[in-house]
């Protein structure tokens, strides 16, 4: 799967692929995602998408 352009987390892209596209480590991407989860009060990527899409 082609994961589109850098600086994004395209739908269908694994976190590892997104990290690579953005030239950051997987652990850094994971940390950013966990911080976003915490700030939005969610605990999964599915819940995050549901929270962001009205």
N, C-alpha and C. Protein backbone atom coordinates (compact mmCIF):
# COMPACT_ATOMS: atom_id res chain seq x y z
N UNK A 1 0.84 -1.20 0.00
CA UNK A 1 0.00 0.00 0.00
C UNK A 1 0.87 1.25 0.00
N UNK A 2 0.56 2.18 -0.86
CA UNK A 2 1.26 3.45 -0.89
C UNK A 2 0.60 4.36 0.14
N UNK A 3 1.39 4.90 1.03
CA UNK A 3 0.84 5.68 2.13
C UNK A 3 0.89 7.18 1.90
N UNK A 4 0.76 7.60 0.66
CA UNK A 4 0.62 9.01 0.28
C UNK A 4 1.81 9.86 0.68
N UNK A 5 1.55 11.11 1.07
CA UNK A 5 2.63 12.07 1.28
C UNK A 5 3.07 12.16 2.73
N UNK A 6 4.29 12.64 2.95
CA UNK A 6 4.80 12.83 4.31
C UNK A 6 3.99 13.86 5.09
N UNK A 7 4.22 13.88 6.38
CA UNK A 7 3.59 14.82 7.32
C UNK A 7 2.11 14.55 7.51
N UNK A 8 1.69 13.36 7.16
CA UNK A 8 0.29 12.97 7.35
C UNK A 8 0.24 11.56 7.88
N UNK A 9 -0.91 11.20 8.38
CA UNK A 9 -1.15 9.83 8.78
C UNK A 9 -2.33 9.33 7.96
N UNK A 10 -2.06 8.94 6.73
CA UNK A 10 -3.15 8.56 5.82
C UNK A 10 -3.96 7.37 6.31
N UNK A 11 -5.22 7.37 5.98
CA UNK A 11 -6.09 6.24 6.32
C UNK A 11 -5.52 4.97 5.74
N UNK A 12 -5.52 3.93 6.51
CA UNK A 12 -5.03 2.65 6.05
C UNK A 12 -3.53 2.45 6.25
N UNK A 13 -2.84 3.45 6.71
CA UNK A 13 -1.40 3.37 6.92
C UNK A 13 -1.11 2.90 8.34
N UNK A 14 -0.14 1.99 8.45
CA UNK A 14 0.28 1.56 9.78
C UNK A 14 1.11 2.67 10.42
N UNK A 15 1.11 2.72 11.73
CA UNK A 15 1.87 3.74 12.45
C UNK A 15 3.35 3.67 12.08
N UNK A 16 3.87 2.48 11.91
CA UNK A 16 5.28 2.30 11.52
C UNK A 16 5.55 2.96 10.16
N UNK A 17 4.62 2.81 9.22
CA UNK A 17 4.77 3.43 7.90
C UNK A 17 4.68 4.95 7.99
N UNK A 18 3.74 5.44 8.78
CA UNK A 18 3.58 6.87 8.97
C UNK A 18 4.83 7.49 9.58
N UNK A 19 5.41 6.81 10.56
CA UNK A 19 6.65 7.29 11.18
C UNK A 19 7.76 7.38 10.15
N UNK A 20 7.88 6.36 9.34
CA UNK A 20 8.93 6.34 8.31
C UNK A 20 8.73 7.49 7.32
N UNK A 21 7.48 7.73 6.90
CA UNK A 21 7.19 8.83 5.97
C UNK A 21 7.55 10.19 6.56
N UNK A 22 7.45 10.30 7.87
CA UNK A 22 7.71 11.57 8.55
C UNK A 22 9.11 11.66 9.14
N UNK A 23 9.96 10.68 8.81
CA UNK A 23 11.35 10.66 9.27
C UNK A 23 11.48 10.75 10.79
N UNK A 24 10.61 10.02 11.49
CA UNK A 24 10.71 9.91 12.94
C UNK A 24 10.69 8.43 13.30
N UNK A 25 11.12 8.11 14.50
CA UNK A 25 11.12 6.71 14.91
C UNK A 25 9.69 6.26 15.23
N UNK A 26 9.50 4.95 15.18
CA UNK A 26 8.21 4.38 15.53
C UNK A 26 7.83 4.77 16.96
N UNK A 27 8.80 4.72 17.87
CA UNK A 27 8.51 5.05 19.27
C UNK A 27 8.10 6.51 19.44
N UNK A 28 8.70 7.41 18.67
CA UNK A 28 8.30 8.82 18.71
C UNK A 28 6.88 8.98 18.20
N UNK A 29 6.55 8.32 17.10
CA UNK A 29 5.19 8.38 16.56
C UNK A 29 4.20 7.83 17.56
N UNK A 30 4.57 6.73 18.20
CA UNK A 30 3.71 6.10 19.21
C UNK A 30 3.48 7.05 20.39
N UNK A 31 4.54 7.73 20.80
CA UNK A 31 4.44 8.69 21.91
C UNK A 31 3.50 9.84 21.54
N UNK A 32 3.64 10.36 20.32
CA UNK A 32 2.76 11.44 19.87
C UNK A 32 1.31 10.98 19.86
N UNK A 33 1.08 9.77 19.35
CA UNK A 33 -0.27 9.23 19.29
C UNK A 33 -0.86 9.05 20.70
N UNK A 34 -0.06 8.56 21.63
CA UNK A 34 -0.53 8.39 23.01
C UNK A 34 -0.88 9.74 23.63
N UNK A 35 -0.10 10.78 23.33
CA UNK A 35 -0.39 12.12 23.85
C UNK A 35 -1.70 12.66 23.28
N UNK A 36 -1.94 12.40 22.00
CA UNK A 36 -3.19 12.82 21.37
C UNK A 36 -4.37 12.08 22.01
N UNK A 37 -4.21 10.77 22.22
CA UNK A 37 -5.25 9.99 22.89
C UNK A 37 -5.59 10.60 24.24
N UNK A 38 -4.57 10.90 25.01
CA UNK A 38 -4.75 11.45 26.35
C UNK A 38 -5.50 12.79 26.31
N UNK A 39 -5.08 13.67 25.42
CA UNK A 39 -5.70 14.99 25.32
C UNK A 39 -7.16 14.92 24.89
N UNK A 40 -7.49 13.93 24.06
CA UNK A 40 -8.86 13.82 23.56
C UNK A 40 -9.71 12.84 24.36
N UNK A 41 -9.09 12.18 25.33
CA UNK A 41 -9.84 11.26 26.18
C UNK A 41 -10.28 9.99 25.48
N UNK A 42 -9.44 9.48 24.57
CA UNK A 42 -9.74 8.24 23.86
C UNK A 42 -8.62 7.24 24.13
N UNK A 43 -8.87 5.96 23.77
CA UNK A 43 -7.84 4.96 24.02
C UNK A 43 -7.59 4.02 22.84
N UNK A 44 -8.08 4.40 21.67
CA UNK A 44 -7.81 3.60 20.47
C UNK A 44 -7.89 4.49 19.24
N UNK A 45 -7.31 4.00 18.14
CA UNK A 45 -7.36 4.77 16.90
C UNK A 45 -8.79 4.85 16.37
N UNK A 46 -9.57 3.80 16.59
CA UNK A 46 -10.98 3.82 16.17
C UNK A 46 -11.73 4.91 16.94
N UNK A 47 -11.52 4.97 18.25
CA UNK A 47 -12.18 6.00 19.06
C UNK A 47 -11.71 7.40 18.65
N UNK A 48 -10.44 7.53 18.29
CA UNK A 48 -9.90 8.81 17.83
C UNK A 48 -10.62 9.27 16.57
N UNK A 49 -10.77 8.39 15.60
CA UNK A 49 -11.45 8.73 14.35
C UNK A 49 -12.90 9.10 14.62
N UNK A 50 -13.55 8.34 15.47
CA UNK A 50 -14.96 8.65 15.82
C UNK A 50 -15.08 10.01 16.48
N UNK A 51 -14.07 10.36 17.27
CA UNK A 51 -14.07 11.65 17.98
C UNK A 51 -13.84 12.81 17.01
N UNK A 52 -13.02 12.58 15.99
CA UNK A 52 -12.66 13.64 15.06
C UNK A 52 -13.65 13.86 13.93
N UNK A 53 -14.40 12.81 13.58
CA UNK A 53 -15.37 12.92 12.49
C UNK A 53 -16.76 13.14 13.10
N UNK A 54 -17.35 14.30 12.78
CA UNK A 54 -18.67 14.60 13.37
C UNK A 54 -19.77 13.69 12.86
